[in-house]
Amino acid sequence: MDGLIKNHKKQPKYLLKLLLINLFLLPCLIYANSAPQVKDKPLSPLDLQLEPIQPLFSLKGLNPDKTALGERLFNEPRLAHNNDMSCASCHILKSGGADCPEKAQGQDGVELGANSLTVFNSSLNHRLFWDGRAKTLEEQIDFVITAPHEFATQWPVLISKLKRDREYQKSFGTLYSDGITAANVRNAIATFERSLITVNSRFDQYLRGDVDSINALEKSGYRLFKDYGCIACHQGRNVGGNMFQKLGVIEEFFDDDRLSGKRGLGRFNVTGQERDRYVFRVPSLRLVALTSPYFHNGSAETLYDAVKIMAKYQLGRTIPDADIEHIIAFLKTLPGEYQGQPLSRVYEETTFSEPEGQTR
C-alpha cells in the first residue's frame, strides 16, 4: 500500500481513487461490523455501548441563575453596536436554533458568507464555527461580539451599556464577585448555551429500549445510514460535530463551483496550511431535519439534495431514491425537546419529495 501511495502518479487514476475510497470507508466497515443490527427488541446495555450513536442527557451542575441571566443576554440586542442584533437573531430557538436564509446577515444587512449552525447541543462540538476557529463557547462569543460585520462592538462599550441597566447590575453583582465584566458576560451566555441539550428524541427513546418509538421505515433508514458509511463522520452523541473533514473526499466538490469566496476555503483560513483547504468541521445532524438549507453556504435546499450530494462527494456512491427516503425518515427522528416540548418547524418539505422528472 505504501508503494502504491508513493508511486500513485504512475498508476491509473482509477486505482488511486479505489485506494482512497477503501481508506475512507475503513471506519465505516469497523462500525458496521462492531455495532449490532437494529432489532425489534430492546437493546441490551452492551448493545447500546456498541452503537455508534448514543443518547443525549441534560448537563448537570449548571447554575440556574446564571443560565437565566445567560438567556436574557442571548436575547439582548444591546450586545450589538447598533442595538439591533442579538444571538437570537441568527439562532432562533423555536425553529431549530439556526435561521432560514442561505447565509446569515450581520450589521446593516451585510451577508456574512456562512449559513448559521444550530446553537442546540453546541457544547458537544469539539470546535465552533464551520472552520473551527473557536475552541470554546466563550471564545465563540468573543468572535461574534467583536467581528466587524456581526455585533461590531468592543467590550468596553458593551460593558458600559450593561452597567447602565439596574437589573443587570443586580444579577451580575449577585452571581459574580467582580460584577459586569467581559469574562462574566461570556460565562453567562455560555452557561445558557450549555443548557440547550435536545434530550428525549424519538431515536434516543429507541436507543434506551422503546422499540416502538421509531417505525420500520425509520429503523431501515438507520441501518442504511450505517451501511452506506454516513456514520463514519456523523456519530457520537451529537451525530457529528467531533471531527474535521474535507468537503470533497472522493470527488472534487469545488470543481463544480458550488462554493466560492474566502469562507469556502474552510479551515485553511485558520491554519494557512494547504492540507486544510476546503476542510470544515463536520456538522451535527441532531437538528438537521429542522435547519435547512444545508452546507456552510446553504447551497442544498432540502435533505434530499444534501444526502445525494454527500453520497457523491464524500462516499463516491449513488444512493437510490428509495434508500434516501429511508435515511431522511431516520434523520427526522433525531430532534429532541426544548423546554419540555418537541422541537418542530413548519417548512415546505415535510415529507420526501421526488426530484423533478424522476419516479420509482
Protein backbone atom coordinates (compact mmCIF):
# COMPACT_ATOMS: atom_id res chain seq x y z
CA MET A 1 0.00 0.00 0.00
CA ASP A 2 2.85 2.39 0.84
CA GLY A 3 4.36 1.72 -2.55
CA LEU A 4 1.10 2.48 -4.27
CA ILE A 5 0.80 5.80 -2.42
CA LYS A 6 4.37 6.85 -3.19
CA ASN A 7 4.07 5.95 -6.86
CA HIS A 8 0.48 6.91 -7.42
CA LYS A 9 1.39 9.22 -10.31
CA LYS A 10 2.47 6.16 -12.28
CA GLN A 11 -0.76 4.28 -11.60
CA PRO A 12 -4.03 4.62 -13.50
CA LYS A 13 -6.24 7.23 -11.88
CA TYR A 14 -8.94 4.70 -11.08
CA LEU A 15 -6.54 2.73 -8.88
CA LEU A 16 -5.76 5.80 -6.80
CA LYS A 17 -9.46 6.59 -6.46
CA LEU A 18 -10.15 3.00 -5.40
CA LEU A 19 -7.44 3.24 -2.77
CA LEU A 20 -8.87 6.48 -1.38
CA ILE A 21 -12.37 5.06 -1.25
CA ASN A 22 -11.15 1.99 0.66
CA LEU A 23 -9.14 4.08 3.12
CA PHE A 24 -12.07 6.41 3.76
CA LEU A 25 -14.61 3.63 4.18
CA LEU A 26 -12.46 1.65 6.62
CA PRO A 27 -14.05 3.35 9.67
CA CYS A 28 -17.47 2.63 8.19
CA LEU A 29 -16.68 -1.07 7.94
CA ILE A 30 -15.45 -1.11 11.53
CA TYR A 31 -18.71 0.48 12.70
CA ALA A 32 -20.83 -1.83 10.58
CA ASN A 33 -19.09 -4.93 11.94
CA SER A 34 -18.91 -3.87 15.59
CA ALA A 35 -22.36 -2.32 16.00
CA PRO A 36 -25.34 -4.66 16.21
CA GLN A 37 -28.02 -4.54 13.57
CA VAL A 38 -31.20 -2.74 14.56
CA LYS A 39 -33.52 -5.29 16.13
CA ASP A 40 -37.19 -5.19 17.05
CA LYS A 41 -36.37 -5.78 20.69
CA PRO A 42 -34.83 -3.53 23.32
CA LEU A 43 -31.10 -3.03 23.05
CA SER A 44 -29.14 -4.56 25.90
CA PRO A 45 -26.68 -2.33 27.82
CA LEU A 46 -23.86 -3.97 25.83
CA ASP A 47 -25.66 -3.35 22.53
CA LEU A 48 -26.11 0.30 23.44
CA GLN A 49 -22.42 0.70 24.26
CA LEU A 50 -21.56 -0.59 20.79
CA GLU A 51 -23.95 1.72 18.93
CA PRO A 52 -22.09 4.50 17.09
CA ILE A 53 -24.79 6.99 18.14
CA GLN A 54 -25.51 7.48 21.84
CA PRO A 55 -28.44 9.16 23.64
CA LEU A 56 -28.26 12.75 24.86
CA PHE A 57 -28.57 13.71 28.53
CA SER A 58 -29.05 17.13 30.10
CA LEU A 59 -25.90 18.61 31.57
CA LYS A 60 -25.95 18.60 35.36
CA GLY A 61 -24.49 21.18 37.70
CA LEU A 62 -25.38 24.30 35.70
CA ASN A 63 -26.23 27.26 37.92
CA PRO A 64 -29.91 28.03 37.17
CA ASP A 65 -29.50 31.75 37.93
CA LYS A 66 -26.51 32.03 35.57
CA THR A 67 -28.50 30.10 32.98
CA ALA A 68 -31.38 32.57 33.29
CA LEU A 69 -29.01 35.54 33.06
CA GLY A 70 -27.37 33.98 30.01
CA GLU A 71 -30.75 33.51 28.36
CA ARG A 72 -31.54 37.19 28.84
CA LEU A 73 -28.17 38.15 27.37
CA PHE A 74 -28.70 35.71 24.49
CA ASN A 75 -31.78 37.76 23.56
CA GLU A 76 -30.22 41.15 24.33
CA PRO A 77 -29.98 43.45 21.25
CA ARG A 78 -27.74 45.91 23.10
CA LEU A 79 -24.88 43.44 22.67
CA ALA A 80 -24.58 44.73 19.10
CA HIS A 81 -23.11 48.09 18.12
CA ASN A 82 -26.41 49.39 16.73
CA ASN A 83 -28.55 47.82 19.48
CA ASP A 84 -30.42 45.84 16.84
CA MET A 85 -28.98 42.31 16.91
CA SER A 86 -28.81 39.54 19.48
CA CYS A 87 -27.61 35.94 19.46
CA ALA A 88 -31.25 35.00 18.88
CA SER A 89 -31.27 36.94 15.61
CA CYS A 90 -29.35 34.13 13.90
CA HIS A 91 -30.14 31.30 16.33
CA ILE A 92 -33.92 31.05 16.54
CA LEU A 93 -34.60 28.55 19.30
CA LYS A 94 -38.17 27.75 18.30
CA SER A 95 -37.12 26.67 14.80
CA GLY A 96 -34.06 24.53 15.35
CA GLY A 97 -31.58 27.03 16.80
CA ALA A 98 -30.50 28.39 13.42
CA ASP A 99 -32.01 30.72 10.83
CA CYS A 100 -33.62 30.17 7.45
CA PRO A 101 -31.59 32.25 4.93
CA GLU A 102 -28.81 30.61 2.94
CA LYS A 103 -26.32 32.91 4.67
CA ALA A 104 -26.73 34.81 7.92
CA GLN A 105 -26.93 38.59 7.90
CA GLY A 106 -24.90 40.85 10.13
CA GLN A 107 -24.85 44.60 10.80
CA ASP A 108 -26.77 46.72 8.28
CA GLY A 109 -27.92 43.61 6.44
CA VAL A 110 -24.41 42.62 5.36
CA GLU A 111 -24.27 38.98 4.24
CA LEU A 112 -21.87 37.08 6.49
CA GLY A 113 -20.96 34.44 3.92
CA ALA A 114 -21.94 31.40 6.01
CA ASN A 115 -25.10 29.58 6.93
CA SER A 116 -25.79 29.66 10.67
CA LEU A 117 -25.21 26.42 12.54
CA THR A 118 -27.65 25.44 15.25
CA VAL A 119 -26.81 26.55 18.78
CA PHE A 120 -28.56 23.48 20.22
CA ASN A 121 -26.09 20.88 21.52
CA SER A 122 -23.23 23.19 20.52
CA SER A 123 -21.43 22.47 23.79
CA LEU A 124 -20.86 18.92 22.49
CA ASN A 125 -18.90 20.10 19.44
CA HIS A 126 -15.12 19.80 19.64
CA ARG A 127 -14.71 23.17 17.88
CA LEU A 128 -17.07 26.00 16.96
CA PHE A 129 -17.83 27.67 13.60
CA TRP A 130 -17.54 25.87 10.27
CA ASP A 131 -13.77 26.42 10.23
CA GLY A 132 -13.32 25.52 13.90
CA ARG A 133 -11.62 28.78 14.78
CA ALA A 134 -13.12 28.85 18.30
CA LYS A 135 -12.19 26.18 20.83
CA THR A 136 -14.88 27.03 23.41
CA LEU A 137 -18.30 28.65 23.58
CA GLU A 138 -16.73 31.58 25.40
CA GLU A 139 -14.25 32.08 22.60
CA GLN A 140 -17.01 31.87 20.00
CA ILE A 141 -18.98 34.57 21.83
CA ASP A 142 -15.91 36.82 21.78
CA PHE A 143 -15.58 36.39 18.00
CA VAL A 144 -19.22 37.34 17.43
CA ILE A 145 -19.15 40.38 19.72
CA THR A 146 -16.08 41.93 18.08
CA ALA A 147 -16.44 40.81 14.44
CA PRO A 148 -16.83 43.91 12.20
CA HIS A 149 -19.89 42.63 10.36
CA GLU A 150 -21.56 40.79 13.25
CA PHE A 151 -22.06 42.62 16.55
CA ALA A 152 -19.30 45.04 15.55
CA THR A 153 -18.60 46.38 19.02
CA GLN A 154 -15.88 46.37 21.67
CA TRP A 155 -16.12 45.02 25.18
CA PRO A 156 -15.65 48.36 26.99
CA VAL A 157 -18.57 49.83 25.01
CA LEU A 158 -20.77 46.81 25.69
CA ILE A 159 -19.92 46.69 29.40
CA SER A 160 -20.76 50.38 29.70
CA LYS A 161 -24.23 49.73 28.24
CA LEU A 162 -24.95 46.85 30.60
CA LYS A 163 -23.79 48.80 33.65
CA ARG A 164 -26.47 51.39 32.95
CA ASP A 165 -29.12 48.68 33.43
CA ARG A 166 -30.04 48.22 37.10
CA GLU A 167 -31.34 44.68 36.59
CA TYR A 168 -28.07 43.59 35.02
CA GLN A 169 -26.14 45.30 37.81
CA LYS A 170 -28.16 43.39 40.39
CA SER A 171 -27.92 40.00 38.64
CA PHE A 172 -24.19 40.19 37.93
CA GLY A 173 -23.49 41.55 41.39
CA THR A 174 -25.27 38.59 42.98
CA LEU A 175 -23.67 35.92 40.78
CA TYR A 176 -20.15 37.27 40.23
CA SER A 177 -17.87 38.86 42.80
CA ASP A 178 -16.49 41.32 40.24
CA GLY A 179 -19.84 42.21 38.69
CA ILE A 180 -20.24 43.00 34.99
CA THR A 181 -17.09 42.07 33.07
CA ALA A 182 -16.42 40.66 29.62
CA ALA A 183 -15.45 37.30 31.11
CA ASN A 184 -18.66 37.14 33.14
CA VAL A 185 -20.85 38.05 30.16
CA ARG A 186 -19.19 35.28 28.17
CA ASN A 187 -19.63 32.85 31.05
CA ALA A 188 -23.32 33.61 31.50
CA ILE A 189 -24.17 33.23 27.80
CA ALA A 190 -22.09 30.05 27.53
CA THR A 191 -23.83 28.61 30.61
CA PHE A 192 -27.20 29.16 28.92
CA GLU A 193 -25.95 27.62 25.68
CA ARG A 194 -24.69 24.57 27.59
CA SER A 195 -28.24 24.06 28.83
CA LEU A 196 -29.54 23.73 25.25
CA ILE A 197 -29.36 19.95 25.02
CA THR A 198 -32.21 18.45 22.98
CA VAL A 199 -32.97 15.38 25.07
CA ASN A 200 -35.59 12.70 24.59
CA SER A 201 -35.67 12.45 20.81
CA ARG A 202 -37.64 9.53 19.41
CA PHE A 203 -34.38 7.91 18.33
CA ASP A 204 -32.91 8.29 21.82
CA GLN A 205 -36.06 6.71 23.23
CA TYR A 206 -35.42 3.82 20.86
CA LEU A 207 -31.81 3.50 21.99
CA ARG A 208 -33.00 3.44 25.59
CA GLY A 209 -35.25 0.49 24.87
CA ASP A 210 -38.56 1.76 23.46
CA VAL A 211 -38.63 -0.24 20.23
CA ASP A 212 -41.92 1.34 19.14
CA SER A 213 -40.67 4.94 19.30
CA ILE A 214 -39.48 4.69 15.68
CA ASN A 215 -41.17 2.75 12.90
CA ALA A 216 -39.87 0.18 10.43
CA LEU A 217 -39.06 2.81 7.77
CA GLU A 218 -37.00 4.81 10.27
CA LYS A 219 -35.18 1.71 11.53
CA SER A 220 -34.33 0.83 7.95
CA GLY A 221 -33.01 4.37 7.46
CA TYR A 222 -30.69 3.96 10.43
CA ARG A 223 -29.35 0.70 9.03
CA LEU A 224 -28.74 2.35 5.65
CA PHE A 225 -27.14 5.37 7.33
CA LYS A 226 -24.58 2.98 8.80
CA ASP A 227 -24.25 0.70 5.80
CA TYR A 228 -23.54 3.49 3.30
CA GLY A 229 -20.86 4.93 5.59
CA CYS A 230 -22.53 8.19 6.71
CA ILE A 231 -21.78 7.05 10.25
CA ALA A 232 -18.02 7.41 9.71
CA CYS A 233 -18.31 11.19 10.12
CA HIS A 234 -21.69 11.52 11.82
CA GLN A 235 -21.52 9.56 15.06
CA GLY A 236 -21.35 10.08 18.82
CA ARG A 237 -23.95 11.80 20.99
CA ASN A 238 -24.20 14.76 18.65
CA VAL A 239 -24.25 12.66 15.44
CA GLY A 240 -21.25 14.67 14.24
CA GLY A 241 -19.50 17.80 15.41
CA ASN A 242 -16.43 15.95 16.66
CA MET A 243 -14.04 15.99 13.69
CA PHE A 244 -12.85 17.92 10.64
CA GLN A 245 -13.32 16.59 7.11
CA LYS A 246 -12.54 17.79 3.61
CA LEU A 247 -15.57 18.71 1.54
CA GLY A 248 -14.98 16.52 -1.50
CA VAL A 249 -13.15 13.42 -0.29
CA ILE A 250 -13.82 11.28 -3.36
CA GLU A 251 -14.96 13.78 -6.00
CA GLU A 252 -13.62 17.33 -6.32
CA PHE A 253 -16.55 19.28 -4.90
CA PHE A 254 -15.11 22.69 -5.74
CA ASP A 255 -14.62 21.82 -9.39
CA ASP A 256 -18.39 22.16 -9.59
CA ASP A 257 -18.08 25.74 -8.28
CA ARG A 258 -20.74 25.27 -5.61
CA LEU A 259 -18.85 27.36 -3.07
CA SER A 260 -16.80 30.48 -3.54
CA GLY A 261 -15.16 33.24 -1.58
CA LYS A 262 -12.92 33.20 1.47
CA ARG A 263 -15.40 31.27 3.65
CA GLY A 264 -15.31 28.46 1.11
CA LEU A 265 -11.67 27.78 1.99
CA GLY A 266 -12.73 26.34 5.34
CA ARG A 267 -10.10 25.62 7.95
CA PHE A 268 -7.38 26.91 5.64
CA ASN A 269 -8.36 30.39 6.85
CA VAL A 270 -7.38 29.37 10.38
CA THR A 271 -4.19 27.37 9.85
CA GLY A 272 -2.90 28.59 6.50
CA GLN A 273 -1.90 25.00 5.71
CA GLU A 274 -2.67 23.66 2.25
CA ARG A 275 -3.93 20.37 3.69
CA ASP A 276 -6.75 22.32 5.37
CA ARG A 277 -8.07 23.88 2.18
CA TYR A 278 -11.80 23.00 1.84
CA VAL A 279 -11.75 21.29 5.26
CA PHE A 280 -14.72 22.02 7.53
CA ARG A 281 -15.94 20.93 10.91
CA VAL A 282 -18.42 18.11 10.39
CA PRO A 283 -21.82 19.47 11.48
CA SER A 284 -24.08 17.73 13.95
CA LEU A 285 -27.15 16.07 12.42
CA ARG A 286 -29.22 16.18 15.60
CA LEU A 287 -31.34 19.07 14.29
CA VAL A 288 -30.71 18.59 10.58
CA ALA A 289 -34.39 17.92 9.84
CA LEU A 290 -35.21 21.44 11.11
CA THR A 291 -32.32 23.56 9.85
CA SER A 292 -32.46 23.74 6.07
CA PRO A 293 -30.78 24.93 3.91
CA TYR A 294 -27.60 22.88 4.26
CA PHE A 295 -23.80 23.21 3.98
CA HIS A 296 -21.83 26.25 5.01
CA ASN A 297 -23.31 28.45 2.29
CA GLY A 298 -26.80 26.97 2.26
CA SER A 299 -26.38 25.57 -1.24
CA ALA A 300 -28.52 22.46 -0.61
CA GLU A 301 -32.15 23.38 -0.06
CA THR A 302 -33.53 20.02 1.02
CA LEU A 303 -32.45 16.92 2.90
CA TYR A 304 -32.81 15.01 -0.36
CA ASP A 305 -30.27 17.34 -2.01
CA ALA A 306 -27.91 17.13 0.96
CA VAL A 307 -27.91 13.33 1.16
CA LYS A 308 -27.45 12.97 -2.61
CA ILE A 309 -24.54 15.43 -2.68
CA MET A 310 -22.80 13.95 0.36
CA ALA A 311 -23.08 10.45 -1.09
CA LYS A 312 -21.41 11.52 -4.33
CA TYR A 313 -18.61 13.72 -3.00
CA GLN A 314 -17.84 12.13 0.35
CA LEU A 315 -18.56 8.44 -0.30
CA GLY A 316 -18.35 8.03 -4.06
CA ARG A 317 -21.80 6.43 -4.00
CA THR A 318 -25.07 6.90 -5.82
CA ILE A 319 -27.87 6.22 -3.36
CA PRO A 320 -31.23 5.14 -4.82
CA ASP A 321 -34.18 7.41 -4.10
CA ALA A 322 -35.91 4.74 -2.05
CA ASP A 323 -32.90 4.50 0.27
CA ILE A 324 -32.70 8.29 0.56
CA GLU A 325 -36.34 8.28 1.65
CA HIS A 326 -35.47 5.83 4.43
CA ILE A 327 -32.40 7.80 5.54
CA ILE A 328 -34.42 11.03 5.69
CA ALA A 329 -37.05 9.27 7.78
CA PHE A 330 -34.31 8.28 10.24
CA LEU A 331 -32.88 11.83 10.36
CA LYS A 332 -36.32 13.13 11.31
CA THR A 333 -36.25 11.01 14.48
CA LEU A 334 -33.20 12.85 15.85
CA PRO A 335 -34.60 16.23 17.03
CA GLY A 336 -35.42 16.17 20.73
CA GLU A 337 -37.16 18.60 23.04
CA TYR A 338 -36.70 22.22 24.12
CA GLN A 339 -38.32 23.35 27.35
CA GLY A 340 -40.20 20.08 27.53
CA GLN A 341 -41.77 20.42 24.08
CA PRO A 342 -40.73 18.60 20.88
CA LEU A 343 -38.78 20.88 18.55
CA SER A 344 -40.71 21.48 15.37
CA ARG A 345 -40.72 23.84 12.43
CA VAL A 346 -43.10 24.43 9.55
CA TYR A 347 -41.16 24.14 6.33
CA GLU A 348 -42.02 23.31 2.75
CA GLU A 349 -40.64 19.80 2.52
CA THR A 350 -42.06 17.91 5.48
CA THR A 351 -42.01 14.59 3.62
CA PHE A 352 -39.82 13.03 0.97
CA SER A 353 -40.20 14.67 -2.44
CA GLU A 354 -39.15 13.09 -5.71
CA PRO A 355 -36.74 15.18 -7.78
CA GLU A 356 -38.43 16.56 -10.87
CA GLY A 357 -38.59 14.08 -13.71
CA GLN A 358 -37.84 11.02 -11.56
CA THR A 359 -40.17 8.31 -10.36
CA ARG A 360 -39.77 4.99 -8.61
